[in-house]
Amino acid sequence: MIVFGRNVFNEIINSNKKILKVYLQNDFKDKGILEKIDNNNIEVIKMNKKQMNNKFVGNHQGIALEIEDYNYYKLDDILDEETVVLLDHLEDPHNLGAIIRTCEAAGIKSIIIPKKRSVDINYTVMKVSAGALNNVKIVETSNIVNAIEKLKKNNYWIYSADMKGTKYTEVDYSGKTAIVVGAEGNGVSRLVKEKSDFLISIPMVGKINSLNASVAAAIVIYEVFRQKNR
């Protein structure tokens, strides 16, 4: 995986992820980063500005890194968690990154995503999560309905966000909790709703009838947090 930017470098070098090589613009002068590259014996490839711009589209800040692809966790790794979040075919990396950041801030350590028709862990997700990805386990499942069934067998209650559900503040989240947030535009799929124990909704009084997925997730996550910590 290729990622870039000075902040991303500092986050990764302080985590347990291995940096395979670093691409540096010839005039790169951040002494702190250069020292870390040298101290960790990381392979460096120098490039001029035109080469960097052609190879790395975006604000690379004169540095790009080749790192190992994200190592996804298995569902069995997280079954002792009090609260987990499931994302039903979310496709926007900005939403996924923001949800990871919210989960980390609220003490939720695990997120489940499907393998197909879903965003995966890429540069944008890493950047938007602002380092939170290092503290949250991302589980990739081949079938989200099967994952829900396994969660239920392990005493989780499944709460899916849906406009026709019960107001989210009027539901009890005291047990093991799995929060399901649907895809942008389509929401939670029919099969997932049928497998859910509760459908929960966020009241809407304006002319817009839906919220951004990461905003909706944050609202529900912090209600769960409030109830579990009162």
Protein backbone atom coordinates (compact mmCIF):
# COMPACT_ATOMS: atom_id res chain seq x y z
CA MET A 1 0.00 0.00 0.00
CA ILE A 2 1.24 3.51 -0.84
CA VAL A 3 0.50 6.33 1.59
CA PHE A 4 1.97 9.79 1.80
CA GLY A 5 2.39 12.90 3.91
CA ARG A 6 4.49 13.88 6.92
CA ASN A 7 1.82 13.26 9.55
CA VAL A 8 1.11 9.81 8.10
CA PHE A 9 4.82 8.97 8.26
CA ASN A 10 5.03 9.96 11.93
CA GLU A 11 1.90 7.94 12.79
CA ILE A 12 3.17 4.83 11.04
CA ILE A 13 6.74 5.01 12.35
CA ASN A 14 5.31 5.13 15.90
CA SER A 15 3.04 2.12 15.28
CA ASN A 16 3.96 -1.50 14.66
CA LYS A 17 3.52 -1.24 10.89
CA LYS A 18 6.57 -1.97 8.76
CA ILE A 19 7.67 0.66 6.26
CA LEU A 20 9.09 -1.13 3.22
CA LYS A 21 10.54 1.94 1.54
CA VAL A 22 10.29 5.73 1.47
CA TYR A 23 10.11 7.99 -1.58
CA LEU A 24 11.57 11.43 -0.91
CA GLN A 25 11.57 14.57 -2.99
CA ASN A 26 15.14 15.74 -3.57
CA ASP A 27 14.69 18.94 -1.57
CA PHE A 28 12.94 17.26 1.41
CA LYS A 29 14.41 18.85 4.55
CA ASP A 30 12.39 17.69 7.59
CA LYS A 31 15.30 16.79 9.89
CA GLY A 32 13.13 14.87 12.36
CA ILE A 33 11.74 12.58 9.67
CA LEU A 34 15.13 12.17 8.00
CA GLU A 35 16.62 11.08 11.33
CA LYS A 36 13.85 8.53 11.88
CA ILE A 37 14.34 7.13 8.39
CA ASP A 38 18.07 6.78 9.03
CA ASN A 39 17.66 5.31 12.52
CA ASN A 40 15.24 2.66 11.22
CA ASN A 41 17.39 1.75 8.19
CA ILE A 42 14.50 2.32 5.76
CA GLU A 43 15.25 2.12 2.04
CA VAL A 44 15.03 5.58 0.43
CA ILE A 45 14.27 6.41 -3.20
CA LYS A 46 14.97 10.02 -4.21
CA MET A 47 12.82 11.70 -6.86
CA ASN A 48 12.49 15.19 -8.28
CA LYS A 49 9.29 17.19 -7.83
CA LYS A 50 7.88 16.28 -11.25
CA GLN A 51 8.46 12.58 -10.65
CA MET A 52 6.79 12.78 -7.23
CA ASN A 53 3.78 14.65 -8.63
CA ASN A 54 3.36 12.14 -11.46
CA LYS A 55 3.65 9.09 -9.21
CA PHE A 56 1.69 10.31 -6.16
CA VAL A 57 -1.49 12.23 -6.92
CA GLY A 58 -2.38 14.44 -3.98
CA ASN A 59 -0.68 16.53 -1.33
CA HIS A 60 2.29 14.23 -0.76
CA GLN A 61 4.39 16.92 1.00
CA GLY A 62 7.52 15.50 -0.57
CA ILE A 63 7.28 12.08 1.09
CA ALA A 64 5.52 8.82 0.27
CA LEU A 65 5.74 5.42 1.92
CA GLU A 66 5.28 1.88 0.76
CA ILE A 67 3.87 -0.12 3.66
CA GLU A 68 2.44 -3.58 4.13
CA ASP A 69 -1.24 -3.94 3.30
CA TYR A 70 -3.58 -3.75 6.28
CA ASN A 71 -3.81 -7.02 8.20
CA TYR A 72 -7.51 -7.55 8.88
CA TYR A 73 -8.69 -9.28 12.04
CA LYS A 74 -11.07 -12.24 12.29
CA LEU A 75 -14.49 -12.16 13.94
CA ASP A 76 -13.32 -14.55 16.64
CA ASP A 77 -10.74 -11.94 17.68
CA ILE A 78 -13.37 -9.47 18.91
CA LEU A 79 -16.16 -11.53 20.48
CA ASP A 80 -15.25 -10.39 23.98
CA GLU A 81 -15.82 -6.71 23.15
CA GLU A 82 -18.72 -4.94 24.86
CA THR A 83 -19.61 -2.88 21.77
CA VAL A 84 -18.83 -3.39 18.08
CA VAL A 85 -19.83 -1.50 14.94
CA LEU A 86 -20.88 -3.15 11.67
CA LEU A 87 -20.84 -1.22 8.40
CA ASP A 88 -23.26 -2.61 5.83
CA HIS A 89 -21.42 -2.04 2.50
CA LEU A 90 -20.17 1.47 3.19
CA GLU A 91 -18.32 2.74 0.11
CA ASP A 92 -16.92 6.16 1.01
CA PRO A 93 -13.41 6.04 2.54
CA HIS A 94 -13.96 9.40 4.21
CA ASN A 95 -16.96 7.98 6.07
CA LEU A 96 -15.02 4.89 7.12
CA GLY A 97 -12.08 6.97 8.33
CA ALA A 98 -14.37 9.27 10.31
CA ILE A 99 -16.22 6.32 11.89
CA ILE A 100 -12.92 4.72 12.91
CA ARG A 101 -11.95 8.00 14.56
CA THR A 102 -15.28 8.25 16.40
CA CYS A 103 -15.09 4.64 17.56
CA GLU A 104 -11.59 5.13 18.94
CA ALA A 105 -12.65 8.30 20.76
CA ALA A 106 -15.64 6.49 22.31
CA GLY A 107 -13.60 3.45 23.35
CA ILE A 108 -15.01 1.09 20.71
CA LYS A 109 -12.19 -1.15 19.59
CA SER A 110 -13.72 -3.15 16.72
CA ILE A 111 -15.44 -2.50 13.38
CA ILE A 112 -16.76 -5.17 11.00
CA ILE A 113 -16.90 -4.60 7.24
CA PRO A 114 -17.80 -6.93 4.33
CA LYS A 115 -15.14 -8.01 1.84
CA LYS A 116 -17.16 -7.20 -1.26
CA ARG A 117 -18.93 -4.01 -2.32
CA SER A 118 -17.34 -2.10 0.52
CA VAL A 119 -14.49 0.33 1.02
CA ASP A 120 -11.30 -1.24 2.31
CA ILE A 121 -8.41 0.21 4.29
CA ASN A 122 -6.59 2.58 1.96
CA TYR A 123 -4.62 5.81 2.15
CA THR A 124 -7.71 8.03 2.49
CA VAL A 125 -9.09 5.94 5.34
CA MET A 126 -5.75 6.09 7.15
CA LYS A 127 -5.50 9.86 6.69
CA VAL A 128 -9.07 10.66 7.78
CA SER A 129 -8.82 8.37 10.81
CA ALA A 130 -5.92 10.56 11.99
CA GLY A 131 -4.03 7.72 13.67
CA ALA A 132 -7.10 6.10 15.26
CA LEU A 133 -6.72 3.08 12.98
CA ASN A 134 -3.77 1.96 15.10
CA ASN A 135 -6.14 1.46 18.06
CA VAL A 136 -9.18 -0.08 16.31
CA LYS A 137 -9.45 -3.62 14.94
CA ILE A 138 -11.03 -3.88 11.49
CA VAL A 139 -12.65 -7.26 10.84
CA GLU A 140 -13.35 -8.26 7.26
CA THR A 141 -16.17 -10.79 6.75
CA SER A 142 -17.29 -12.61 3.61
CA ASN A 143 -20.94 -12.41 4.71
CA ILE A 144 -22.28 -9.75 7.04
CA VAL A 145 -25.51 -11.68 7.76
CA ASN A 146 -23.49 -14.70 8.90
CA ALA A 147 -21.38 -12.38 11.04
CA ILE A 148 -24.54 -11.03 12.69
CA GLU A 149 -25.75 -14.56 13.40
CA LYS A 150 -22.44 -15.39 15.08
CA LEU A 151 -22.59 -12.20 17.13
CA LYS A 152 -26.09 -13.11 18.29
CA LYS A 153 -24.89 -16.57 19.33
CA ASN A 154 -22.29 -14.75 21.43
CA ASN A 155 -24.96 -12.71 23.25
CA TYR A 156 -24.86 -9.51 21.22
CA TRP A 157 -27.99 -7.49 20.59
CA ILE A 158 -28.11 -6.10 17.04
CA TYR A 159 -29.21 -2.46 16.58
CA SER A 160 -29.62 -1.29 12.97
CA ALA A 161 -30.06 2.35 12.03
CA ASP A 162 -33.25 2.82 10.00
CA MET A 163 -35.63 5.75 9.46
CA LYS A 164 -38.62 3.62 10.52
CA GLY A 165 -37.08 2.47 13.77
CA THR A 166 -37.59 3.47 17.40
CA LYS A 167 -36.01 6.75 18.47
CA TYR A 168 -32.40 5.87 19.27
CA THR A 169 -32.48 7.47 22.74
CA GLU A 170 -35.48 5.34 23.78
CA VAL A 171 -33.67 2.00 23.37
CA ASP A 172 -31.70 0.14 26.05
CA TYR A 173 -28.06 -0.64 25.12
CA SER A 174 -27.03 -2.21 28.42
CA GLY A 175 -26.03 -5.62 27.03
CA LYS A 176 -23.38 -6.59 24.48
CA THR A 177 -24.10 -4.21 21.62
CA ALA A 178 -23.59 -4.36 17.86
CA ILE A 179 -24.45 -1.13 16.02
CA VAL A 180 -25.18 -1.47 12.30
CA VAL A 181 -24.84 1.52 9.97
CA GLY A 182 -25.94 1.21 6.35
CA ALA A 183 -24.43 2.30 3.07
CA GLU A 184 -24.64 5.87 1.81
CA GLY A 185 -28.03 6.34 0.16
CA ASN A 186 -29.27 2.76 0.46
CA GLY A 187 -29.10 2.35 4.22
CA VAL A 188 -29.13 -1.02 5.96
CA SER A 189 -30.02 -3.92 3.64
CA ARG A 190 -33.27 -5.86 4.01
CA LEU A 191 -31.66 -9.09 5.18
CA VAL A 192 -29.62 -7.28 7.81
CA LYS A 193 -32.72 -5.50 9.11
CA GLU A 194 -34.55 -8.82 9.32
CA LYS A 195 -31.71 -10.25 11.44
CA SER A 196 -31.64 -7.22 13.74
CA ASP A 197 -33.12 -7.19 17.23
CA PHE A 198 -33.90 -3.46 17.09
CA LEU A 199 -34.30 -0.83 14.40
CA ILE A 200 -33.29 2.59 15.71
CA SER A 201 -33.82 6.01 14.15
CA ILE A 202 -32.49 9.53 14.55
CA PRO A 203 -35.30 12.14 14.46
CA MET A 204 -35.24 14.38 11.38
CA VAL A 205 -37.21 17.63 11.36
CA GLY A 206 -35.62 19.44 8.42
CA LYS A 207 -36.14 19.01 4.70
CA ILE A 208 -33.17 16.65 4.38
CA ASN A 209 -34.32 13.12 5.26
CA SER A 210 -30.96 11.49 5.97
CA LEU A 211 -27.59 12.16 7.57
CA ASN A 212 -24.09 11.42 6.38
CA ALA A 213 -23.24 7.86 7.46
CA SER A 214 -20.37 8.93 9.70
CA VAL A 215 -22.52 11.57 11.41
CA ALA A 216 -25.35 9.10 12.02
CA ALA A 217 -22.87 6.58 13.39
CA ALA A 218 -21.35 9.15 15.74
CA ILE A 219 -24.75 10.14 17.15
CA VAL A 220 -25.71 6.54 17.93
CA ILE A 221 -22.24 5.59 19.20
CA TYR A 222 -22.25 8.38 21.76
CA GLU A 223 -25.74 7.49 22.98
CA VAL A 224 -24.48 3.94 23.53
CA PHE A 225 -21.42 5.39 25.27
CA ARG A 226 -23.63 7.60 27.48
CA GLN A 227 -25.83 4.72 28.58
CA LYS A 228 -22.96 2.35 29.29
CA ASN A 229 -21.07 4.96 31.35
CA ARG A 230 -23.80 6.57 33.42
